[in-house]
């Protein structure tokens, strides 16, 4: 068996690409996986080589064979010109933004954005002299009215990480490109398997590989991919910061990559089943799942996405804080904790009212976000059914 190249894999399906991308067994003495390269110093055989940095790797902050394997695989999967790695999803977001902004700029950010992204914009970027305006995620091409002469970035997250509005990314990206504005997309929910970011118009795409790429709740990693126009600038910013992901996390991400398609499709199946079950319950007012017609922007999901993942939200009928606590505190299978995309199911309550600024968030009652894991779906339903019974008793 010979190593395959990206050119060899052009006609292959994503599931096959995930198995072979970023692997060169012939360079690893025949071993299937790229090993973990730990280290900092790289030795050069001659002064001429050292002076001219004539080596594939010259220092570990610029990469190792382990990081290069994941970068090349993700570049291929995303349809990008190149990828850099960061030590967390938030680090990837900040790296992408710092690549595209300078003092005096104005940026547009979806009001449904991941809250730590908002905090970065409102604190660090504000101190740098960058002004942020938040926009209604349903705005689409009408975002044109918010663009200023100094607007440099439109930051898109689709769907929103809690409220799940789906945006018209192609329309926004086309408008931005015509005006020389960089479109940055947080694509963590869908991954490139369910939303090819650069084919849909994103200049840079951010992923929290902590979620589905890792898949086991045991690592932190972020990835930023970019098109040919933006990758040189992204790489230069990365090199200036040396914001490196740890070698063990990169190795675990490569391992997760091989089963990403299988796990993501199972998460999709499980989440759709549970969402339909919840939609039929009297305690649930609305299911916020992009594949449901009741979800804001569903038509864009249907047009642009290739699937749905295991994360969605529900809006409950009004109930007391004590009744909600009775439901959640007694759950046996759903853990309460941040992040998502692992093998275990999670639930958190959330309330966007305190930080939304461009849109109003007025749910009828409590809102819950679910990350559906790999447990048996009937066991998950039974756990929630018992939780709803505790809620009714407490009420």
Protein backbone atom coordinates (compact mmCIF):
# COMPACT_ATOMS: atom_id res chain seq x y z
CA UNK A 1 0.00 0.00 0.00
CA UNK A 2 1.31 3.46 -0.93
CA UNK A 3 0.53 6.76 0.75
CA UNK A 4 -2.35 8.68 -0.81
CA UNK A 5 -2.00 12.37 -1.65
CA UNK A 6 -4.62 15.12 -1.56
CA UNK A 7 -4.79 14.84 -5.34
CA UNK A 8 -5.49 11.12 -5.06
CA UNK A 9 -8.32 11.86 -2.64
CA UNK A 10 -10.11 14.52 -4.67
CA UNK A 11 -12.77 12.09 -5.91
CA UNK A 12 -13.21 10.30 -2.57
CA UNK A 13 -16.03 10.80 -0.08
CA UNK A 14 -15.39 12.67 3.17
CA UNK A 15 -15.64 9.49 5.21
CA UNK A 16 -12.72 8.04 3.25
CA UNK A 17 -10.76 11.29 3.39
CA UNK A 18 -11.05 11.32 7.17
CA UNK A 19 -9.33 7.95 7.35
CA UNK A 20 -6.43 8.84 5.04
CA UNK A 21 -5.88 12.62 5.22
CA UNK A 22 -2.81 13.77 7.10
CA UNK A 23 -1.22 10.31 7.24
CA UNK A 24 2.07 9.30 5.62
CA UNK A 25 2.87 5.77 6.89
CA UNK A 26 5.89 5.52 4.59
CA UNK A 27 7.50 8.37 6.53
CA UNK A 28 6.73 6.71 9.89
CA UNK A 29 8.41 3.34 9.26
CA UNK A 30 5.05 1.94 8.19
CA UNK A 31 3.20 2.82 11.37
CA UNK A 32 -0.39 3.84 10.67
CA UNK A 33 -0.51 7.00 12.80
CA UNK A 34 1.77 10.02 12.93
CA UNK A 35 3.48 9.84 16.32
CA UNK A 36 3.51 12.57 18.96
CA UNK A 37 6.52 14.81 18.40
CA UNK A 38 7.38 16.55 21.65
CA UNK A 39 10.11 19.12 21.76
CA UNK A 40 11.30 22.62 21.05
CA UNK A 41 14.78 22.50 19.47
CA UNK A 42 15.41 21.27 15.94
CA UNK A 43 19.03 20.49 15.02
CA UNK A 44 20.63 21.51 11.72
CA UNK A 45 23.52 19.54 10.22
CA UNK A 46 25.54 22.54 8.96
CA UNK A 47 25.98 26.27 9.56
CA UNK A 48 24.61 26.91 6.09
CA UNK A 49 21.45 24.98 6.90
CA UNK A 50 21.08 26.80 10.22
CA UNK A 51 21.63 30.26 8.72
CA UNK A 52 19.22 29.61 5.88
CA UNK A 53 16.77 27.62 8.01
CA UNK A 54 16.95 24.91 5.37
CA UNK A 55 14.65 22.41 7.04
CA UNK A 56 10.98 21.51 6.95
CA UNK A 57 10.80 22.42 10.65
CA UNK A 58 13.14 24.92 12.26
CA UNK A 59 11.61 25.34 15.73
CA UNK A 60 8.63 23.69 17.37
CA UNK A 61 6.55 26.89 17.56
CA UNK A 62 6.44 26.78 13.77
CA UNK A 63 5.18 23.22 13.76
CA UNK A 64 6.11 19.56 14.06
CA UNK A 65 5.21 16.51 11.97
CA UNK A 66 2.28 15.96 14.37
CA UNK A 67 0.82 19.46 13.93
CA UNK A 68 1.49 19.39 10.20
CA UNK A 69 -0.53 16.18 9.88
CA UNK A 70 -3.60 17.75 11.49
CA UNK A 71 -3.20 21.04 9.64
CA UNK A 72 -3.02 19.33 6.26
CA UNK A 73 -5.95 17.02 7.02
CA UNK A 74 -8.17 19.88 8.20
CA UNK A 75 -7.19 22.01 5.21
CA UNK A 76 -8.28 19.22 2.90
CA UNK A 77 -11.53 18.60 4.77
CA UNK A 78 -12.41 22.31 4.91
CA UNK A 79 -11.56 23.11 1.30
CA UNK A 80 -9.06 25.74 2.47
CA UNK A 81 -5.66 26.98 1.41
CA UNK A 82 -4.20 26.31 4.85
CA UNK A 83 -4.91 25.80 8.54
CA UNK A 84 -3.29 26.80 11.82
CA UNK A 85 -3.91 25.26 15.24
CA UNK A 86 -4.58 27.03 18.52
CA UNK A 87 -4.75 25.81 22.13
CA UNK A 88 -8.55 26.27 22.40
CA UNK A 89 -11.59 27.24 20.37
CA UNK A 90 -11.59 30.73 21.89
CA UNK A 91 -7.90 31.12 21.08
CA UNK A 92 -8.72 30.26 17.47
CA UNK A 93 -11.46 32.93 17.44
CA UNK A 94 -9.13 35.59 18.82
CA UNK A 95 -6.39 34.59 16.37
CA UNK A 96 -8.74 34.96 13.40
CA UNK A 97 -10.00 38.35 14.58
CA UNK A 98 -6.51 39.68 15.28
CA UNK A 99 -5.48 38.62 11.79
CA UNK A 100 -8.13 40.83 10.22
CA UNK A 101 -8.44 43.94 12.42
CA UNK A 102 -6.36 47.00 13.23
CA UNK A 103 -6.85 50.02 15.45
CA UNK A 104 -9.61 52.26 14.15
CA UNK A 105 -11.57 49.46 12.51
CA UNK A 106 -15.23 48.63 12.92
CA UNK A 107 -16.51 45.04 12.94
CA UNK A 108 -19.96 43.45 12.76
CA UNK A 109 -20.72 40.45 14.98
CA UNK A 110 -23.87 38.36 15.17
CA UNK A 111 -25.92 38.99 18.31
CA UNK A 112 -26.21 35.21 18.74
CA UNK A 113 -22.43 34.79 19.05
CA UNK A 114 -20.70 32.51 21.57
CA UNK A 115 -20.53 34.70 24.66
CA UNK A 116 -16.72 34.50 25.19
CA UNK A 117 -16.32 35.87 21.63
CA UNK A 118 -18.49 38.83 22.64
CA UNK A 119 -16.41 39.39 25.77
CA UNK A 120 -13.20 39.44 23.71
CA UNK A 121 -14.68 42.00 21.34
CA UNK A 122 -16.01 44.18 24.14
CA UNK A 123 -12.79 44.15 26.17
CA UNK A 124 -9.56 43.42 24.27
CA UNK A 125 -10.67 44.76 20.88
CA UNK A 126 -12.19 47.83 22.50
CA UNK A 127 -8.85 48.56 24.21
CA UNK A 128 -7.18 48.20 20.81
CA UNK A 129 -9.47 50.84 19.31
CA UNK A 130 -11.70 48.43 17.40
CA UNK A 131 -15.44 49.14 17.60
CA UNK A 132 -17.93 46.24 17.55
CA UNK A 133 -21.55 46.49 16.44
CA UNK A 134 -23.88 43.53 16.94
CA UNK A 135 -26.44 42.60 14.32
CA UNK A 136 -29.65 40.60 14.19
CA UNK A 137 -28.71 37.11 12.93
CA UNK A 138 -31.77 37.20 10.66
CA UNK A 139 -30.52 40.30 8.84
CA UNK A 140 -29.09 38.55 5.76
CA UNK A 141 -28.07 40.86 2.92
CA UNK A 142 -29.68 43.80 4.75
CA UNK A 143 -26.48 43.91 6.78
CA UNK A 144 -25.35 46.28 4.02
CA UNK A 145 -27.04 49.09 5.94
CA UNK A 146 -24.71 48.55 8.92
CA UNK A 147 -21.44 48.55 6.97
CA UNK A 148 -19.21 51.60 7.43
CA UNK A 149 -16.18 52.76 5.44
CA UNK A 150 -13.94 51.31 8.20
CA UNK A 151 -15.75 47.96 8.60
CA UNK A 152 -13.12 45.24 8.23
CA UNK A 153 -14.82 42.04 9.51
CA UNK A 154 -18.21 40.41 9.60
CA UNK A 155 -18.18 37.64 12.18
CA UNK A 156 -20.81 34.96 11.57
CA UNK A 157 -21.83 32.05 13.77
CA UNK A 158 -24.42 29.73 12.35
CA UNK A 159 -26.41 28.48 14.09
CA UNK A 160 -26.16 30.63 17.23
CA UNK A 161 -24.54 28.64 20.02
CA UNK A 162 -27.54 28.85 22.35
CA UNK A 163 -30.54 30.26 20.46
CA UNK A 164 -29.77 28.48 17.15
CA UNK A 165 -30.67 31.13 14.58
CA UNK A 166 -29.35 30.04 11.17
CA UNK A 167 -27.84 32.81 9.07
CA UNK A 168 -27.76 33.44 5.33
CA UNK A 169 -24.00 33.01 5.12
CA UNK A 170 -23.66 33.04 1.30
CA UNK A 171 -25.53 36.34 1.03
CA UNK A 172 -23.52 37.98 3.81
CA UNK A 173 -20.21 36.67 2.48
CA UNK A 174 -20.94 37.81 -1.08
CA UNK A 175 -21.75 41.30 0.11
CA UNK A 176 -18.65 41.39 2.30
CA UNK A 177 -16.37 40.24 -0.50
CA UNK A 178 -17.69 42.88 -2.86
CA UNK A 179 -16.74 45.52 -0.28
CA UNK A 180 -13.35 44.04 0.64
CA UNK A 181 -14.51 42.90 4.09
CA UNK A 182 -13.30 39.67 5.70
CA UNK A 183 -15.96 37.11 6.61
CA UNK A 184 -15.04 34.98 9.63
CA UNK A 185 -17.28 32.01 10.39
CA UNK A 186 -17.52 30.04 13.63
CA UNK A 187 -18.37 26.64 12.16
CA UNK A 188 -18.10 24.53 15.30
CA UNK A 189 -21.70 23.26 15.36
CA UNK A 190 -21.69 21.76 11.87
CA UNK A 191 -17.99 21.05 11.24
CA UNK A 192 -16.87 21.03 7.59
CA UNK A 193 -18.71 17.73 7.14
CA UNK A 194 -22.12 19.40 7.43
CA UNK A 195 -21.20 22.94 6.31
CA UNK A 196 -18.25 23.41 3.91
CA UNK A 197 -17.20 26.85 5.12
CA UNK A 198 -15.09 28.18 2.27
CA UNK A 199 -17.42 26.85 -0.42
CA UNK A 200 -20.15 28.90 1.29
CA UNK A 201 -18.07 32.08 1.17
CA UNK A 202 -16.13 32.29 4.45
CA UNK A 203 -12.63 33.80 4.21
CA UNK A 204 -11.62 32.27 7.53
CA UNK A 205 -13.41 29.49 9.41
CA UNK A 206 -12.97 28.80 13.11
CA UNK A 207 -13.60 25.46 14.76
CA UNK A 208 -13.46 24.45 18.41
CA UNK A 209 -11.97 21.01 17.89
CA UNK A 210 -12.55 20.59 21.61
CA UNK A 211 -16.06 19.54 20.62
CA UNK A 212 -16.68 17.04 17.81
CA UNK A 213 -13.13 16.64 16.54
CA UNK A 214 -11.89 15.52 19.94
CA UNK A 215 -15.18 13.84 20.74
CA UNK A 216 -14.23 12.56 24.19
CA UNK A 217 -14.22 15.65 26.45
CA UNK A 218 -10.51 15.23 27.14
CA UNK A 219 -8.75 17.96 25.17
CA UNK A 220 -8.75 21.63 24.20
CA UNK A 221 -7.87 22.65 20.64
CA UNK A 222 -8.91 25.22 18.05
CA UNK A 223 -8.45 25.37 14.29
CA UNK A 224 -8.54 28.28 11.85
CA UNK A 225 -8.66 27.56 8.14
CA UNK A 226 -8.43 30.26 5.47
CA UNK A 227 -8.80 30.75 1.73
CA UNK A 228 -5.83 31.67 -0.51
CA UNK A 229 -6.30 35.40 0.04
CA UNK A 230 -6.28 35.24 3.82
CA UNK A 231 -4.05 32.29 4.69
CA UNK A 232 -0.71 34.14 4.34
CA UNK A 233 -1.94 36.80 6.76
CA UNK A 234 -3.34 34.20 9.13
CA UNK A 235 -0.07 32.26 9.13
CA UNK A 236 1.95 35.43 9.74
CA UNK A 237 -0.24 36.33 12.72
CA UNK A 238 0.04 32.80 14.08
CA UNK A 239 3.83 32.86 13.76
CA UNK A 240 3.97 36.23 15.54
CA UNK A 241 1.99 34.91 18.49
CA UNK A 242 3.34 31.33 18.61
CA UNK A 243 -0.08 30.35 19.99
CA UNK A 244 0.63 26.62 19.87
CA UNK A 245 -1.62 23.66 20.61
CA UNK A 246 -0.10 20.97 22.83
CA UNK A 247 1.29 17.88 21.10
CA UNK A 248 -0.88 15.42 23.02
CA UNK A 249 -4.03 17.36 22.16
CA UNK A 250 -3.03 17.42 18.49
CA UNK A 251 -2.46 13.67 18.52
CA UNK A 252 -5.83 13.04 20.18
CA UNK A 253 -7.46 15.31 17.60
CA UNK A 254 -5.91 13.26 14.79
CA UNK A 255 -7.30 10.14 16.43
CA UNK A 256 -10.73 11.76 16.72
CA UNK A 257 -10.61 12.80 13.08
CA UNK A 258 -10.74 9.20 11.89
CA UNK A 259 -14.17 8.56 13.45
CA UNK A 260 -15.61 12.09 13.12
CA UNK A 261 -18.09 11.19 10.38
CA UNK A 262 -19.45 8.18 12.24
CA UNK A 263 -19.81 10.04 15.54
CA UNK A 264 -21.32 13.15 13.99
CA UNK A 265 -23.94 11.18 12.08
CA UNK A 266 -24.88 9.23 15.19
CA UNK A 267 -25.14 12.48 17.14
CA UNK A 268 -27.41 13.80 14.40
CA UNK A 269 -29.65 10.73 14.54
CA UNK A 270 -29.86 10.73 18.33
CA UNK A 271 -30.53 14.48 18.59
CA UNK A 272 -33.29 14.43 15.98
CA UNK A 273 -34.98 11.55 17.79
CA UNK A 274 -34.78 13.28 21.17
CA UNK A 275 -35.84 16.65 19.73
CA UNK A 276 -38.96 15.12 18.20
CA UNK A 277 -39.76 13.43 21.50
CA UNK A 278 -39.36 16.72 23.37
CA UNK A 279 -41.46 18.62 20.81
CA UNK A 280 -44.40 16.35 21.63
CA UNK A 281 -44.25 17.06 25.37
CA UNK A 282 -46.65 19.53 26.96
CA UNK A 283 -43.86 21.10 29.03
CA UNK A 284 -42.02 22.20 25.84
CA UNK A 285 -43.16 25.36 24.04
CA UNK A 286 -40.60 25.30 21.22
CA UNK A 287 -37.67 23.24 19.98
CA UNK A 288 -34.76 25.29 18.62
CA UNK A 289 -33.15 22.80 16.27
CA UNK A 290 -32.04 24.01 12.81
CA UNK A 291 -33.59 20.97 11.12
CA UNK A 292 -37.03 21.90 12.53
CA UNK A 293 -39.23 24.35 10.59
CA UNK A 294 -39.92 26.15 13.88
CA UNK A 295 -36.25 27.17 14.19
CA UNK A 296 -35.37 30.69 12.98
CA UNK A 297 -33.54 30.45 9.65
CA UNK A 298 -34.56 26.84 9.00
CA UNK A 299 -34.82 27.55 5.26
CA UNK A 300 -31.12 28.51 5.19
CA UNK A 301 -30.21 25.31 7.03
CA UNK A 302 -32.20 23.30 4.48
CA UNK A 303 -30.48 25.08 1.59
CA UNK A 304 -26.89 25.28 2.83
CA UNK A 305 -26.22 22.50 5.35
CA UNK A 306 -25.55 18.82 4.73
CA UNK A 307 -26.74 17.64 8.13
CA UNK A 308 -27.27 18.59 11.75
CA UNK A 309 -25.24 17.80 14.84
CA UNK A 310 -26.19 16.80 18.37
CA UNK A 311 -26.65 20.25 19.93
CA UNK A 312 -30.02 22.02 20.20
CA UNK A 313 -32.19 23.95 22.66
CA UNK A 314 -35.75 23.93 23.94
CA UNK A 315 -37.98 26.59 25.49
CA UNK A 316 -40.10 25.42 28.41
CA UNK A 317 -43.42 26.62 29.75
CA UNK A 318 -43.10 28.99 32.73
CA UNK A 319 -42.02 27.29 35.95
CA UNK A 320 -40.32 28.25 39.19
CA UNK A 321 -36.58 28.10 39.77
CA UNK A 322 -37.22 25.39 42.34
CA UNK A 323 -39.14 23.26 39.85
CA UNK A 324 -36.36 23.62 37.26
CA UNK A 325 -33.76 22.67 39.86
CA UNK A 326 -35.79 19.63 40.86
CA UNK A 327 -35.77 18.49 37.24
CA UNK A 328 -32.08 19.10 36.53
CA UNK A 329 -30.52 18.16 39.88
CA UNK A 330 -31.94 14.66 39.80
CA UNK A 331 -30.84 13.71 36.28
CA UNK A 332 -28.77 10.54 36.17
CA UNK A 333 -27.52 10.49 32.57
CA UNK A 334 -27.47 14.16 31.54
CA UNK A 335 -24.56 15.95 33.17
CA UNK A 336 -24.65 19.70 33.75
CA UNK A 337 -21.49 21.25 32.36
CA UNK A 338 -20.15 23.51 29.64
CA UNK A 339 -18.75 22.44 26.28
CA UNK A 340 -20.37 19.70 24.21
CA UNK A 341 -19.68 17.22 21.42
CA UNK A 342 -18.35 14.46 23.67
CA UNK A 343 -19.63 10.92 24.07
CA UNK A 344 -21.72 11.89 27.11
CA UNK A 345 -25.00 13.83 27.14
CA UNK A 346 -25.12 17.28 28.71
CA UNK A 347 -27.75 19.91 29.55
CA UNK A 348 -27.44 23.51 30.72
CA UNK A 349 -30.03 26.22 31.36
CA UNK A 350 -29.27 29.55 29.69
CA UNK A 351 -30.64 33.07 29.49
CA UNK A 352 -29.45 35.51 26.80
CA UNK A 353 -31.33 38.53 28.16
CA UNK A 354 -28.39 39.98 30.08
CA UNK A 355 -26.02 40.29 27.12
CA UNK A 356 -27.99 40.52 23.88
CA UNK A 357 -27.89 44.04 22.47
CA UNK A 358 -29.27 43.96 18.91
CA UNK A 359 -32.18 41.59 19.47
CA UNK A 360 -34.58 40.84 22.30
CA UNK A 361 -34.57 37.43 23.97
CA UNK A 362 -37.96 36.84 25.55
CA UNK A 363 -38.58 33.12 26.09
CA UNK A 364 -41.87 32.06 27.70
CA UNK A 365 -40.04 30.15 30.41
CA UNK A 366 -36.65 28.55 31.08
CA UNK A 367 -34.40 27.61 28.15
CA UNK A 368 -32.33 24.43 28.10
CA UNK A 369 -29.51 23.46 25.75
CA UNK A 370 -28.88 19.76 25.15
CA UNK A 371 -25.80 18.04 23.82
CA UNK A 372 -26.91 14.53 22.93
CA UNK A 373 -24.26 11.86 23.44
CA UNK A 374 -23.96 8.20 22.57
CA UNK A 375 -26.09 6.65 25.32
CA UNK A 376 -29.13 4.59 24.31
CA UNK A 377 -31.81 7.06 23.27
CA UNK A 378 -34.55 5.30 25.26
CA UNK A 379 -32.46 5.62 28.42
CA UNK A 380 -32.03 9.34 27.77
CA UNK A 381 -35.76 9.80 27.29
CA UNK A 382 -36.48 7.93 30.52
CA UNK A 383 -34.03 10.16 32.40
CA UNK A 384 -35.75 13.30 31.09
CA UNK A 385 -39.22 11.86 31.66
CA UNK A 386 -38.38 11.34 35.32
CA UNK A 387 -37.00 14.88 35.40
CA UNK A 388 -40.23 16.34 34.04
CA UNK A 389 -42.13 14.38 36.65
CA UNK A 390 -39.97 15.94 39.40
CA UNK A 391 -40.65 19.34 37.86
CA UNK A 392 -44.40 18.80 38.00
CA UNK A 393 -44.22 17.54 41.58
CA UNK A 394 -42.14 20.55 42.70
CA UNK A 395 -44.54 22.92 40.98
